[in-house]
Amino acid sequence: MTTRPRPMTPPGPDAPTLTGDAPIAAIDADQAVPMTHREVLEALSGILLGLFVSILATSVVSSSLPRIITDLEGSQSSFTWVVTATLLTTTISTPIWGKLADLVDRKRLIQIALVVTVLSSAAAGLAQSVGVLIGMRALQGIGAGGLTALGTVLIADIISPRERGKYMGLMGAVMGVGMIGGPLLGGVLTDGPGWRWNFFVGIPFAVAAIVVLQRTLHLMPLKRRVVRIDYAGALLLSAGISTLLLWITFAGSSFEWLSPQTAAMVGGAVVLLVVAVLVEQRAAEPIIPLHLFRNRTLVLAVVASIAVGIALFGTSVFLSQYMQVARGKTPTESGLLTIPMILGQLLASTIAGRIVTRTGRYKAIMTIGAVVLTAGLALMGTIHYDTSFLLVGTYMFLLGTGVGMLMQNLVLATQNTLDVAEMGSGTATVAFFRTLGGAVGVSALGAVLASRVTSGITSGLAAIGIDVASLSGGTSAVPDVATLPGPIRTVVESAYGDSIADLFLVSVPVALVALVAVLFLKEVPLGTRSGMQERLAREAAAREADAHMAEARASDARADDAPSGEGAEHRPADAAATMMGG
């Protein structure tokens, strides 16, 4: 059920208000009335617009990255780092944003995240080197982490789990538009005024999101209390994850996988993460509350989310390279050719969401999604540089369908079992591990791709009698295939086509892990209360308990004030009355 707070009495001029809607003290559990569909859409509009900005900030450059890296004279490692930097900071910041959502005003937080996204995007558009671009993309990831963590938490505030499915379909539609329109818009801008406009185009949408959120999103205020942020845990967690991802990125290229550098970085990451766990155990407000991992649904959702993150982010980010380098397409054409994958995700999330709302069951949908995801990855592993686009499109459609049936329902299943006081931390934990899986996937698969491409180009050129040493750019730079002679172009296209296909095959076992996790998931009936209803009911119960305690104390006081004989006669009766009242 979707709800809105209703005032018991008209607020006075001095009454503290709920963002202008109702006096705080006047809200009662039985005063939470259903929101109309229009009111829900109005409240969702700002949330979904913020989500759209987050998606657009990432997707608009996906089809343009090969051109951007080439213009800035970057390497394959630079290409990977532009993506990894955003995923890295998104991963690190997501649980921090989620914890803050349990402590302070969520509406203000999501507006701050939007401002960070806007400023960092504009700065990225002015970058004159790959290093500056990577730095600004890292800052952009901080804003994206906030939008990722807060969007689903805010939806949980106003919509019950049972009804959330059909609105998740709307959320999937917005994601689909952002993911389809982003690459297309990015391609048009790159082929037209230039790729720098990719970073400026989201600013009007972000400003609109801030305004709409201010006007339409009305939430209950959290109870005032001392906020204790776990700075030590956040620092240790960030350092440990960063060290781990840095190792994955540089191992195999800058140094060997089995080397002193590997031992130092992996050992350091493990020590930092172990210390982070010890700090979290003792923290008053841990960034990731460890007791959440006693929740079986959350643990299995985390495992599946890691697998989905690796399979989705770790493969889809390289599709633009397949289209532009292996197939010789322009950024605009590259965006158009990825539509089947996004269309599959859009349709699957919309239809699956409505089925979940109607039936109240989600495990079967998630199981089918995991199977389809695995099949899609396996089929994508068979593509080459000359595979029919019809087949490639069909395989991408299956891949998107699996993601659409699985990803949002993992969040729904988790939220359905979380205490309302930890909705932010729990939801962000799932998003954190999904993004972590994506970051690890991009770094690891990027290292695999760089190694395979180098090997493929070297052997291919040797087969046609060309010495690699004679090439000015070597084999590490991302090539502009349009400028290459015919025989060399075929070698490069073949090397990239086969190497990117191998990435999908490597991801198949990971998708199977997601399938196993979903099979072990216990289906819990979907709740019918929104987050606001849960908090209202809890506050009403607390007030009722306080009233009973006050009544008991008053009864005891009356008994103590009575004459000794009369008090002896009446105390049992008073005690009995108190017990009956409690």
Protein backbone atom coordinates (compact mmCIF):
# COMPACT_ATOMS: atom_id res chain seq x y z
CA MET A 1 0.00 0.00 0.00
CA THR A 2 1.21 3.51 -0.82
CA THR A 3 0.63 6.08 1.87
CA ARG A 4 0.81 9.75 2.70
CA PRO A 5 0.68 11.29 6.17
CA ARG A 6 -2.57 13.06 7.09
CA PRO A 7 -2.87 15.71 9.80
CA MET A 8 -5.24 15.08 12.67
CA THR A 9 -5.92 18.80 13.10
CA PRO A 10 -5.08 21.88 11.07
CA PRO A 11 -1.55 22.95 11.93
CA GLY A 12 -1.02 26.13 13.84
CA PRO A 13 1.42 28.79 12.73
CA ASP A 14 4.11 27.48 15.07
CA ALA A 15 3.59 23.78 14.38
CA PRO A 16 6.69 21.93 13.13
CA THR A 17 5.83 20.59 9.70
CA LEU A 18 6.57 17.63 7.49
CA THR A 19 8.05 19.56 4.54
CA GLY A 20 4.91 21.64 4.59
CA ASP A 21 2.36 18.80 4.67
CA ALA A 22 1.51 17.90 8.27
CA PRO A 23 2.56 18.71 11.83
CA ILE A 24 4.99 16.15 13.14
CA ALA A 25 3.16 15.58 16.40
CA ALA A 26 -0.19 15.15 14.68
CA ILE A 27 0.60 12.05 12.64
CA ASP A 28 -0.76 8.77 13.94
CA ALA A 29 -0.57 5.21 12.67
CA ASP A 30 -4.23 5.05 11.72
CA GLN A 31 -3.94 8.41 9.96
CA ALA A 32 -1.81 7.03 7.10
CA VAL A 33 -4.20 7.11 4.16
CA PRO A 34 -3.62 5.51 0.75
CA MET A 35 -1.93 7.66 -1.87
CA THR A 36 -3.66 7.89 -5.21
CA HIS A 37 -1.89 6.72 -8.33
CA ARG A 38 -1.39 10.35 -9.32
CA GLU A 39 0.19 11.23 -5.97
CA VAL A 40 2.52 8.26 -6.26
CA LEU A 41 3.56 9.30 -9.75
CA GLU A 42 4.17 12.86 -8.59
CA ALA A 43 6.35 11.64 -5.72
CA LEU A 44 8.14 9.20 -8.01
CA SER A 45 8.76 11.77 -10.73
CA GLY A 46 11.63 13.48 -8.94
CA ILE A 47 13.16 10.18 -7.79
CA LEU A 48 13.04 8.70 -11.28
CA LEU A 49 14.36 11.91 -12.83
CA GLY A 50 17.32 11.72 -10.46
CA LEU A 51 17.85 8.09 -11.43
CA PHE A 52 17.67 9.10 -15.09
CA VAL A 53 20.43 11.67 -14.53
CA SER A 54 22.61 9.03 -12.89
CA ILE A 55 22.12 6.60 -15.79
CA LEU A 56 22.56 9.28 -18.43
CA ALA A 57 25.82 10.46 -16.86
CA THR A 58 27.24 6.97 -17.41
CA SER A 59 25.49 5.82 -20.58
CA VAL A 60 25.94 8.97 -22.63
CA VAL A 61 29.70 8.39 -22.86
CA SER A 62 29.59 4.60 -23.32
CA SER A 63 29.37 4.76 -27.11
CA SER A 64 31.88 7.62 -27.26
CA LEU A 65 34.67 6.29 -25.05
CA PRO A 66 36.71 4.76 -27.87
CA ARG A 67 36.72 8.16 -29.65
CA ILE A 68 37.41 10.03 -26.41
CA ILE A 69 40.35 7.82 -25.45
CA THR A 70 41.76 8.05 -28.98
CA ASP A 71 41.52 11.87 -29.02
CA LEU A 72 43.18 12.12 -25.59
CA GLU A 73 45.88 9.64 -26.73
CA GLY A 74 45.00 7.07 -24.09
CA SER A 75 45.68 3.35 -23.98
CA GLN A 76 43.51 0.28 -23.38
CA SER A 77 44.37 0.64 -19.70
CA SER A 78 43.09 4.22 -19.83
CA PHE A 79 39.83 3.03 -21.37
CA THR A 80 39.40 0.57 -18.53
CA TRP A 81 40.29 3.17 -15.91
CA VAL A 82 37.75 5.71 -17.15
CA VAL A 83 35.07 3.12 -16.44
CA THR A 84 36.71 1.67 -13.33
CA ALA A 85 37.20 5.07 -11.66
CA THR A 86 33.45 5.73 -11.72
CA LEU A 87 32.60 2.22 -10.55
CA LEU A 88 35.25 2.41 -7.84
CA THR A 89 33.95 5.60 -6.24
CA THR A 90 30.34 4.53 -6.75
CA THR A 91 31.15 1.30 -4.92
CA ILE A 92 32.92 3.03 -2.05
CA SER A 93 30.34 5.76 -1.60
CA THR A 94 27.17 3.65 -1.93
CA PRO A 95 27.19 2.16 1.62
CA ILE A 96 28.12 5.57 3.06
CA TRP A 97 25.17 7.22 1.32
CA GLY A 98 22.96 4.34 2.48
CA LYS A 99 23.99 4.74 6.10
CA LEU A 100 23.45 8.49 5.93
CA ALA A 101 19.96 7.77 4.61
CA ASP A 102 19.16 6.06 7.93
CA LEU A 103 20.50 9.03 9.89
CA VAL A 104 19.63 12.30 8.14
CA ASP A 105 17.16 13.84 5.68
CA ARG A 106 17.00 11.62 2.58
CA LYS A 107 15.50 14.32 0.40
CA ARG A 108 18.42 16.64 1.09
CA LEU A 109 20.89 13.82 0.47
CA ILE A 110 19.61 12.98 -3.00
CA GLN A 111 19.70 16.66 -3.94
CA ILE A 112 23.33 16.86 -2.80
CA ALA A 113 24.12 13.78 -4.89
CA LEU A 114 22.59 15.49 -7.92
CA VAL A 115 24.70 18.61 -7.40
CA VAL A 116 27.89 16.51 -7.17
CA THR A 117 26.92 14.71 -10.39
CA VAL A 118 26.32 17.98 -12.26
CA LEU A 119 29.57 19.67 -11.20
CA SER A 120 31.75 16.66 -11.87
CA SER A 121 30.15 16.08 -15.29
CA ALA A 122 30.81 19.66 -16.31
CA ALA A 123 34.42 19.40 -15.14
CA ALA A 124 34.90 16.14 -17.08
CA GLY A 125 33.72 17.90 -20.22
CA LEU A 126 36.58 20.39 -19.85
CA ALA A 127 39.28 17.71 -19.37
CA GLN A 128 42.39 18.09 -21.53
CA SER A 129 44.03 14.80 -20.56
CA VAL A 130 43.06 11.25 -19.68
CA GLY A 131 44.24 11.77 -16.10
CA VAL A 132 41.90 14.71 -15.52
CA LEU A 133 39.04 12.85 -17.18
CA ILE A 134 39.58 9.85 -14.91
CA GLY A 135 39.66 12.11 -11.84
CA MET A 136 36.39 13.83 -12.74
CA ARG A 137 34.75 10.51 -13.55
CA ALA A 138 35.79 9.33 -10.10
CA LEU A 139 34.07 12.36 -8.56
CA GLN A 140 31.06 11.67 -10.74
CA GLY A 141 30.89 8.19 -9.25
CA ILE A 142 30.39 9.68 -5.78
CA GLY A 143 27.22 11.39 -6.98
CA ALA A 144 26.12 8.23 -8.78
CA GLY A 145 26.61 6.26 -5.57
CA GLY A 146 24.18 8.56 -3.79
CA LEU A 147 21.58 8.35 -6.54
CA THR A 148 21.94 4.55 -6.71
CA ALA A 149 21.59 4.07 -2.95
CA LEU A 150 18.86 6.64 -2.31
CA GLY A 151 16.56 6.04 -5.27
CA THR A 152 15.32 2.59 -4.21
CA VAL A 153 15.25 3.60 -0.52
CA LEU A 154 12.96 6.53 -1.28
CA ILE A 155 10.69 4.31 -3.35
CA ALA A 156 10.47 1.92 -0.40
CA ASP A 157 9.42 4.87 1.77
CA ILE A 158 6.27 5.55 -0.21
CA ILE A 159 5.34 2.19 -1.81
CA SER A 160 4.74 -1.17 -0.15
CA PRO A 161 6.68 -4.24 -1.37
CA ARG A 162 3.51 -5.82 -2.81
CA GLU A 163 2.75 -2.78 -4.98
CA ARG A 164 6.36 -1.96 -5.74
CA GLY A 165 6.55 -4.38 -8.66
CA LYS A 166 4.42 -2.36 -11.06
CA TYR A 167 6.29 0.81 -10.17
CA MET A 168 9.57 -1.03 -10.62
CA GLY A 169 8.34 -1.52 -14.19
CA LEU A 170 8.14 2.26 -14.51
CA MET A 171 11.61 2.46 -13.00
CA GLY A 172 12.77 -0.07 -15.60
CA ALA A 173 11.23 2.07 -18.33
CA VAL A 174 13.16 5.13 -17.15
CA MET A 175 16.33 3.06 -16.99
CA GLY A 176 15.65 1.76 -20.48
CA VAL A 177 15.14 5.26 -21.89
CA GLY A 178 18.33 6.44 -20.17
CA MET A 179 20.36 3.48 -21.34
CA ILE A 180 18.97 3.58 -24.90
CA GLY A 181 18.86 7.35 -25.28
CA GLY A 182 22.23 7.89 -23.60
CA PRO A 183 24.43 6.04 -26.11
CA LEU A 184 22.36 7.38 -29.02
CA LEU A 185 22.59 10.95 -27.76
CA GLY A 186 26.28 10.50 -27.00
CA GLY A 187 26.92 9.16 -30.47
CA VAL A 188 25.08 12.05 -32.13
CA LEU A 189 26.94 14.61 -30.02
CA THR A 190 30.30 12.94 -30.65
CA ASP A 191 29.74 12.80 -34.40
CA GLY A 192 28.36 16.37 -34.34
CA PRO A 193 29.54 19.16 -32.03
CA GLY A 194 32.03 16.92 -30.23
CA TRP A 195 32.31 14.42 -27.39
CA ARG A 196 32.73 17.10 -24.72
CA TRP A 197 29.04 17.91 -25.01
CA ASN A 198 28.31 14.43 -23.63
CA PHE A 199 29.24 15.72 -20.19
CA PHE A 200 27.21 18.94 -20.42
CA VAL A 201 23.94 17.50 -21.71
CA GLY A 202 22.82 16.10 -18.33
CA ILE A 203 22.97 19.44 -16.49
CA PRO A 204 19.42 20.60 -17.39
CA PHE A 205 17.98 17.23 -16.36
CA ALA A 206 19.78 17.39 -13.01
CA VAL A 207 18.54 20.91 -12.29
CA ALA A 208 15.01 19.80 -13.17
CA ALA A 209 15.37 16.80 -10.85
CA ILE A 210 16.38 19.03 -7.93
CA VAL A 211 13.38 21.31 -8.49
CA VAL A 212 10.90 18.44 -8.92
CA LEU A 213 12.18 16.67 -5.81
CA GLN A 214 11.75 19.84 -3.79
CA ARG A 215 8.15 20.26 -4.94
CA THR A 216 6.83 16.68 -4.99
CA LEU A 217 8.77 14.52 -2.51
CA HIS A 218 7.31 14.83 1.01
CA LEU A 219 8.72 12.48 3.63
CA MET A 220 8.35 11.95 7.36
CA PRO A 221 11.25 13.51 9.27
CA LEU A 222 13.54 11.13 11.11
CA LYS A 223 13.61 11.38 14.88
CA ARG A 224 16.22 13.82 16.11
CA ARG A 225 19.19 12.07 17.63
CA VAL A 226 22.95 12.36 17.82
CA VAL A 227 24.40 11.24 14.49
CA ARG A 228 27.62 9.27 14.82
CA ILE A 229 29.28 8.67 11.48
CA ASP A 230 31.76 5.81 11.37
CA TYR A 231 34.63 7.68 9.72
CA ALA A 232 37.19 5.02 10.60
CA GLY A 233 35.11 2.24 9.07
CA ALA A 234 34.44 4.29 5.94
CA LEU A 235 38.15 5.08 5.50
CA LEU A 236 39.31 1.50 6.05
CA LEU A 237 36.61 0.07 3.79
CA SER A 238 37.45 2.55 1.03
CA ALA A 239 41.19 1.91 1.30
CA GLY A 240 40.78 -1.87 1.27
CA ILE A 241 38.48 -1.93 -1.74
CA SER A 242 40.59 0.61 -3.63
CA THR A 243 43.76 -1.42 -3.08
CA LEU A 244 42.03 -4.59 -4.25
CA LEU A 245 40.74 -2.94 -7.43
CA LEU A 246 44.09 -1.32 -8.15
CA TRP A 247 45.72 -4.74 -7.97
CA ILE A 248 43.17 -6.25 -10.35
CA THR A 249 43.66 -3.38 -12.79
CA PHE A 250 47.47 -3.41 -12.94
CA ALA A 251 48.17 -7.13 -12.45
CA GLY A 252 49.04 -8.80 -15.73
CA SER A 253 50.02 -5.53 -17.42
CA SER A 254 52.25 -3.49 -15.10
CA PHE A 255 53.46 -6.56 -13.18
CA GLU A 256 52.87 -10.30 -13.08
CA TRP A 257 49.89 -11.82 -11.29
CA LEU A 258 52.32 -13.80 -9.12
CA SER A 259 54.80 -11.15 -8.02
CA PRO A 260 55.95 -9.19 -4.95
CA GLN A 261 53.61 -6.35 -5.96
CA THR A 262 50.68 -8.74 -5.93
CA ALA A 263 51.63 -10.04 -2.51
CA ALA A 264 51.92 -6.50 -1.13
CA MET A 265 48.66 -5.22 -2.60
CA VAL A 266 46.53 -8.28 -1.86
CA GLY A 267 48.02 -8.62 1.62
CA GLY A 268 47.44 -4.94 2.30
CA ALA A 269 43.85 -5.11 1.06
CA VAL A 270 43.09 -8.14 3.23
CA VAL A 271 44.58 -6.48 6.33
CA LEU A 272 42.63 -3.27 5.72
CA LEU A 273 39.35 -5.13 5.21
CA VAL A 274 39.88 -7.32 8.29
CA VAL A 275 40.55 -4.22 10.40
CA ALA A 276 37.46 -2.61 8.83
CA VAL A 277 35.34 -5.57 9.97
CA LEU A 278 36.73 -5.29 13.52
CA VAL A 279 35.98 -1.55 13.56
CA GLU A 280 32.46 -2.14 12.24
CA GLN A 281 31.79 -4.63 15.05
CA ARG A 282 32.47 -1.95 17.66
CA ALA A 283 31.08 1.11 15.89
CA ALA A 284 27.90 2.70 17.23
CA GLU A 285 26.66 3.38 13.69
CA PRO A 286 28.60 1.01 11.38
CA ILE A 287 28.64 1.79 7.66
CA ILE A 288 27.62 -1.80 6.91
CA PRO A 289 25.93 -3.30 10.00
CA LEU A 290 27.38 -6.80 10.24
CA HIS A 291 24.24 -8.25 11.84
CA LEU A 292 22.51 -7.75 8.49
CA PHE A 293 24.42 -10.78 7.26
CA ARG A 294 22.34 -12.97 9.58
CA ASN A 295 19.52 -12.27 7.15
CA ARG A 296 19.59 -15.22 4.74
CA THR A 297 17.74 -13.34 2.00
CA LEU A 298 20.20 -10.46 2.12
CA VAL A 299 23.23 -12.77 2.01
CA LEU A 300 21.94 -14.69 -1.02
CA ALA A 301 20.89 -11.43 -2.70
CA VAL A 302 24.41 -10.10 -2.13
CA VAL A 303 25.96 -13.21 -3.71
CA ALA A 304 23.61 -12.97 -6.70
CA SER A 305 24.17 -9.21 -6.98
CA ILE A 306 27.94 -9.65 -7.14
CA ALA A 307 27.46 -12.14 -9.94
CA VAL A 308 25.00 -9.87 -11.77
CA GLY A 309 27.37 -6.92 -11.38
CA ILE A 310 30.26 -8.86 -12.89
CA ALA A 311 28.12 -10.28 -15.70
CA LEU A 312 26.36 -7.00 -16.53
CA PHE A 313 28.90 -4.21 -15.99
CA GLY A 314 31.91 -6.35 -16.67
CA THR A 315 30.71 -7.24 -20.17
CA SER A 316 28.38 -4.48 -21.34
CA VAL A 317 31.01 -1.75 -21.02
CA PHE A 318 33.08 -3.51 -23.66
CA LEU A 319 30.22 -3.78 -26.16
CA SER A 320 31.03 -0.31 -27.51
CA GLN A 321 34.55 -1.50 -28.30
CA TYR A 322 33.15 -4.53 -30.07
CA MET A 323 30.86 -2.37 -32.19
CA GLN A 324 33.37 0.37 -33.00
CA VAL A 325 36.69 -1.49 -33.14
CA ALA A 326 35.71 -5.02 -34.14
CA ARG A 327 32.85 -3.93 -36.43
CA GLY A 328 34.06 -0.49 -37.53
CA LYS A 329 30.85 1.35 -36.57
CA THR A 330 30.49 5.00 -35.60
CA PRO A 331 29.51 5.96 -32.02
CA THR A 332 25.93 6.67 -33.19
CA GLU A 333 25.68 3.31 -34.92
CA SER A 334 27.19 1.66 -31.87
CA GLY A 335 24.45 3.12 -29.69
CA LEU A 336 21.74 1.99 -32.09
CA LEU A 337 23.11 -1.54 -32.23
CA THR A 338 22.88 -1.95 -28.42
CA ILE A 339 19.12 -1.26 -28.41
CA PRO A 340 18.16 -4.98 -28.33
CA MET A 341 19.87 -5.47 -24.96
CA ILE A 342 18.18 -2.43 -23.42
CA LEU A 343 14.84 -3.34 -24.98
CA GLY A 344 15.05 -6.80 -23.41
CA GLN A 345 15.77 -5.29 -20.01
CA LEU A 346 12.94 -2.76 -20.38
CA LEU A 347 10.29 -5.29 -21.38
CA ALA A 348 11.40 -7.90 -18.85
CA SER A 349 11.45 -5.51 -15.89
CA THR A 350 8.04 -4.03 -16.81
CA ILE A 351 6.27 -7.35 -17.38
CA ALA A 352 7.96 -9.11 -14.46
CA GLY A 353 7.09 -6.21 -12.14
CA ARG A 354 3.41 -6.43 -12.98
CA ILE A 355 3.42 -10.19 -12.50
CA VAL A 356 5.06 -9.82 -9.08
CA THR A 357 2.46 -7.23 -8.01
CA ARG A 358 -0.44 -9.37 -9.20
CA THR A 359 0.77 -12.69 -7.76
CA GLY A 360 2.93 -11.59 -4.84
CA ARG A 361 5.57 -14.13 -5.91
CA TYR A 362 9.02 -13.32 -7.19
CA LYS A 363 11.31 -16.36 -6.90
CA ALA A 364 10.15 -18.04 -10.11
CA ILE A 365 10.70 -14.81 -12.04
CA MET A 366 14.21 -14.47 -10.62
CA THR A 367 15.06 -18.10 -11.38
CA ILE A 368 14.00 -17.74 -15.00
CA GLY A 369 15.95 -14.50 -15.20
CA ALA A 370 19.14 -16.17 -13.93
CA VAL A 371 18.76 -18.98 -16.49
CA VAL A 372 18.19 -16.52 -19.35
CA LEU A 373 21.15 -14.40 -18.19
CA THR A 374 23.43 -17.43 -18.26
CA ALA A 375 22.20 -18.47 -21.70
CA GLY A 376 22.63 -14.93 -23.06
CA LEU A 377 26.21 -14.73 -21.85
CA ALA A 378 27.04 -18.14 -23.30
CA LEU A 379 25.59 -17.17 -26.69
CA MET A 380 27.44 -13.84 -26.67
CA GLY A 381 30.60 -15.86 -26.16
CA THR A 382 30.20 -17.29 -29.68
CA ILE A 383 30.34 -13.99 -31.58
CA HIS A 384 33.17 -12.96 -33.92
CA TYR A 385 34.07 -9.80 -35.81
CA ASP A 386 31.91 -10.91 -38.75
CA THR A 387 28.91 -12.47 -36.93
CA SER A 388 25.49 -11.47 -38.29
CA PHE A 389 24.10 -8.44 -36.45
CA LEU A 390 20.75 -10.24 -36.29
CA LEU A 391 22.31 -12.99 -34.18
CA VAL A 392 24.26 -10.51 -32.05
CA GLY A 393 21.06 -8.53 -31.45
CA THR A 394 19.15 -11.67 -30.46
CA TYR A 395 21.83 -12.67 -27.99
CA MET A 396 21.91 -9.16 -26.49
CA PHE A 397 18.12 -9.21 -26.14
CA LEU A 398 18.36 -12.42 -24.09
CA LEU A 399 21.11 -10.92 -21.96
CA GLY A 400 19.03 -7.83 -21.24
CA THR A 401 15.95 -9.93 -20.49
CA GLY A 402 17.82 -11.92 -17.85
CA VAL A 403 19.10 -8.75 -16.20
CA GLY A 404 15.65 -7.16 -16.25
CA MET A 405 14.02 -10.13 -14.52
CA LEU A 406 16.72 -10.47 -11.90
CA MET A 407 18.33 -7.19 -10.83
CA GLN A 408 15.42 -5.16 -9.41
CA ASN A 409 13.77 -8.20 -7.85
CA LEU A 410 16.91 -8.91 -5.84
CA VAL A 411 16.49 -5.48 -4.24
CA LEU A 412 12.76 -6.06 -3.72
CA ALA A 413 13.32 -9.44 -2.02
CA THR A 414 15.90 -7.88 0.30
CA GLN A 415 13.82 -4.82 1.21
CA ASN A 416 10.88 -7.09 2.03
CA THR A 417 12.85 -8.63 4.90
CA LEU A 418 14.58 -5.51 6.26
CA ASP A 419 13.66 -3.57 9.37
CA VAL A 420 12.45 -0.11 8.40
CA ALA A 421 15.14 1.51 10.57
CA GLU A 422 17.85 -0.17 8.46
CA MET A 423 16.25 0.16 5.04
CA GLY A 424 18.98 2.54 3.85
CA SER A 425 21.90 0.41 5.05
CA GLY A 426 20.40 -2.88 3.86
CA THR A 427 19.42 -1.62 0.41
CA ALA A 428 22.76 0.10 -0.04
CA THR A 429 24.57 -3.09 0.99
CA VAL A 430 23.03 -5.00 -1.92
CA ALA A 431 23.77 -2.12 -4.30
CA PHE A 432 27.30 -1.89 -2.89
CA PHE A 433 28.14 -5.51 -3.62
CA ARG A 434 26.49 -5.34 -7.06
CA THR A 435 28.61 -2.31 -7.94
CA LEU A 436 31.66 -3.94 -6.37
CA GLY A 437 31.10 -6.94 -8.60
CA GLY A 438 30.84 -4.61 -11.57
CA ALA A 439 34.04 -2.77 -10.65
CA VAL A 440 35.93 -6.02 -10.13
CA GLY A 441 34.44 -7.37 -13.33
CA VAL A 442 35.45 -4.34 -15.41
CA SER A 443 38.98 -4.32 -13.99
CA ALA A 444 39.54 -8.06 -14.24
CA LEU A 445 37.91 -8.47 -17.64
CA GLY A 446 39.67 -5.33 -18.88
CA ALA A 447 43.01 -6.89 -17.93
CA VAL A 448 42.00 -10.11 -19.71
CA LEU A 449 40.92 -8.16 -22.79
CA ALA A 450 44.17 -6.17 -22.96
CA SER A 451 46.20 -9.37 -22.73
CA ARG A 452 44.10 -11.24 -25.30
CA VAL A 453 44.04 -8.31 -27.74
CA THR A 454 47.80 -7.87 -27.55
CA SER A 455 48.34 -11.56 -28.14
CA GLY A 456 45.81 -11.69 -30.96
CA ILE A 457 47.18 -8.67 -32.81
CA THR A 458 50.78 -9.83 -32.39
CA SER A 459 50.09 -13.30 -33.77
CA GLY A 460 47.82 -11.95 -36.51
CA LEU A 461 50.37 -9.43 -37.76
CA ALA A 462 53.12 -12.01 -37.62
CA ALA A 463 51.00 -14.29 -39.81
CA ILE A 464 50.89 -11.66 -42.57
CA GLY A 465 54.57 -10.82 -42.20
CA ILE A 466 54.37 -7.52 -40.28
CA ASP A 467 56.71 -6.80 -37.38
CA VAL A 468 54.81 -5.38 -34.40
CA ALA A 469 57.84 -3.31 -33.40
CA SER A 470 57.47 -1.32 -36.60
CA LEU A 471 54.04 -0.01 -35.58
CA SER A 472 54.15 3.47 -34.03
CA GLY A 473 51.36 2.83 -31.54
CA GLY A 474 52.27 -0.76 -30.70
CA THR A 475 49.43 -3.04 -29.67
CA SER A 476 48.39 -1.42 -26.38
CA ALA A 477 46.70 1.72 -27.75
CA VAL A 478 43.03 1.59 -28.78
CA PRO A 479 43.22 1.83 -32.58
CA ASP A 480 41.12 3.90 -34.98
CA VAL A 481 40.30 1.10 -37.43
CA ALA A 482 39.09 3.54 -40.09
CA THR A 483 42.69 4.70 -40.61
CA LEU A 484 44.23 1.22 -40.88
CA PRO A 485 45.17 -0.52 -44.15
CA GLY A 486 42.89 -3.40 -45.16
CA PRO A 487 44.96 -6.42 -43.99
CA ILE A 488 45.95 -4.81 -40.69
CA ARG A 489 42.36 -3.68 -40.07
CA THR A 490 41.12 -7.26 -40.46
CA VAL A 491 43.70 -8.49 -37.94
CA VAL A 492 42.70 -5.82 -35.41
CA GLU A 493 38.96 -6.40 -35.88
CA SER A 494 39.40 -10.15 -35.50
CA ALA A 495 41.53 -9.77 -32.37
CA TYR A 496 39.02 -7.47 -30.67
CA GLY A 497 36.00 -9.50 -31.78
CA ASP A 498 37.33 -12.81 -30.49
CA SER A 499 38.78 -11.30 -27.30
CA ILE A 500 35.54 -9.55 -26.32
CA ALA A 501 33.60 -12.76 -26.99
CA ASP A 502 35.94 -14.53 -24.58
CA LEU A 503 34.91 -12.05 -21.86
CA PHE A 504 31.31 -13.23 -22.10
CA LEU A 505 32.38 -16.86 -21.84
CA VAL A 506 34.46 -16.07 -18.75
CA SER A 507 31.33 -14.54 -17.18
CA VAL A 508 29.15 -17.64 -17.65
CA PRO A 509 30.32 -19.42 -14.45
CA VAL A 510 29.65 -16.21 -12.55
CA ALA A 511 26.06 -16.15 -13.82
CA LEU A 512 25.67 -19.76 -12.67
CA VAL A 513 26.60 -18.60 -9.16
CA ALA A 514 23.71 -16.13 -9.33
CA LEU A 515 21.37 -18.95 -10.39
CA VAL A 516 22.43 -21.13 -7.46
CA ALA A 517 21.96 -18.22 -5.02
CA VAL A 518 18.44 -17.57 -6.33
CA LEU A 519 17.51 -21.27 -6.05
CA PHE A 520 18.46 -21.23 -2.35
CA LEU A 521 16.48 -18.04 -1.75
CA LYS A 522 13.47 -18.48 0.54
CA GLU A 523 10.40 -16.70 -0.81
CA VAL A 524 8.85 -14.47 1.86
CA PRO A 525 5.32 -13.08 1.30
CA LEU A 526 5.54 -9.47 0.18
CA GLY A 527 4.57 -6.91 2.81
CA THR A 528 1.64 -4.53 2.36
CA ARG A 529 3.03 -1.55 4.29
CA SER A 530 5.26 1.18 2.94
CA GLY A 531 8.24 2.47 4.87
CA MET A 532 6.26 5.47 6.15
CA GLN A 533 3.46 3.18 7.35
CA GLU A 534 5.93 1.00 9.19
CA ARG A 535 7.45 4.01 10.96
CA LEU A 536 4.02 5.41 11.81
CA ALA A 537 2.91 2.07 13.27
CA ARG A 538 6.12 1.80 15.28
CA GLU A 539 5.73 5.30 16.66
CA ALA A 540 2.08 4.62 17.55
CA ALA A 541 3.09 1.44 19.39
CA ALA A 542 5.79 3.36 21.26
CA ARG A 543 3.30 6.06 22.28
CA GLU A 544 0.82 3.43 23.43
CA ALA A 545 3.49 1.72 25.50
CA ASP A 546 4.47 5.07 27.03
CA ALA A 547 0.81 5.73 27.87
CA HIS A 548 0.48 2.37 29.61
CA MET A 549 3.65 3.00 31.60
CA ALA A 550 2.39 6.46 32.62
CA GLU A 551 -0.94 4.94 33.68
CA ALA A 552 0.84 2.30 35.73
CA ARG A 553 3.00 4.91 37.45
CA ALA A 554 -0.07 7.05 38.19
CA SER A 555 -1.87 4.03 39.67
CA ASP A 556 1.11 3.25 41.88
CA ALA A 557 1.24 6.87 43.02
CA ARG A 558 -2.47 6.81 43.96
CA ALA A 559 -1.95 3.63 45.91
CA ASP A 560 1.00 5.11 47.81
CA ASP A 561 -1.01 8.21 48.74
CA ALA A 562 -3.98 6.21 50.11
CA PRO A 563 -4.32 5.31 53.92
CA SER A 564 -2.42 2.19 54.82
CA GLY A 565 -5.45 -0.04 55.27
CA GLU A 566 -7.23 1.27 52.20
CA GLY A 567 -4.05 1.12 50.22
CA ALA A 568 -3.61 -2.53 51.17
CA GLU A 569 -7.09 -3.29 49.93
CA HIS A 570 -6.79 -1.36 46.68
CA ARG A 571 -3.27 -2.16 45.56
CA PRO A 572 -4.14 -5.65 44.23
CA ALA A 573 -7.06 -4.20 42.29
CA ASP A 574 -4.91 -1.40 40.90
CA ALA A 575 -2.22 -3.87 39.91
CA ALA A 576 -4.76 -6.09 38.21
CA ALA A 577 -6.22 -3.11 36.34
CA THR A 578 -2.77 -2.09 35.21
CA MET A 579 -2.01 -5.58 33.96
CA MET A 580 -5.31 -5.73 32.07
CA GLY A 581 -4.64 -2.32 30.58
CA GLY A 582 -1.15 -3.39 29.47
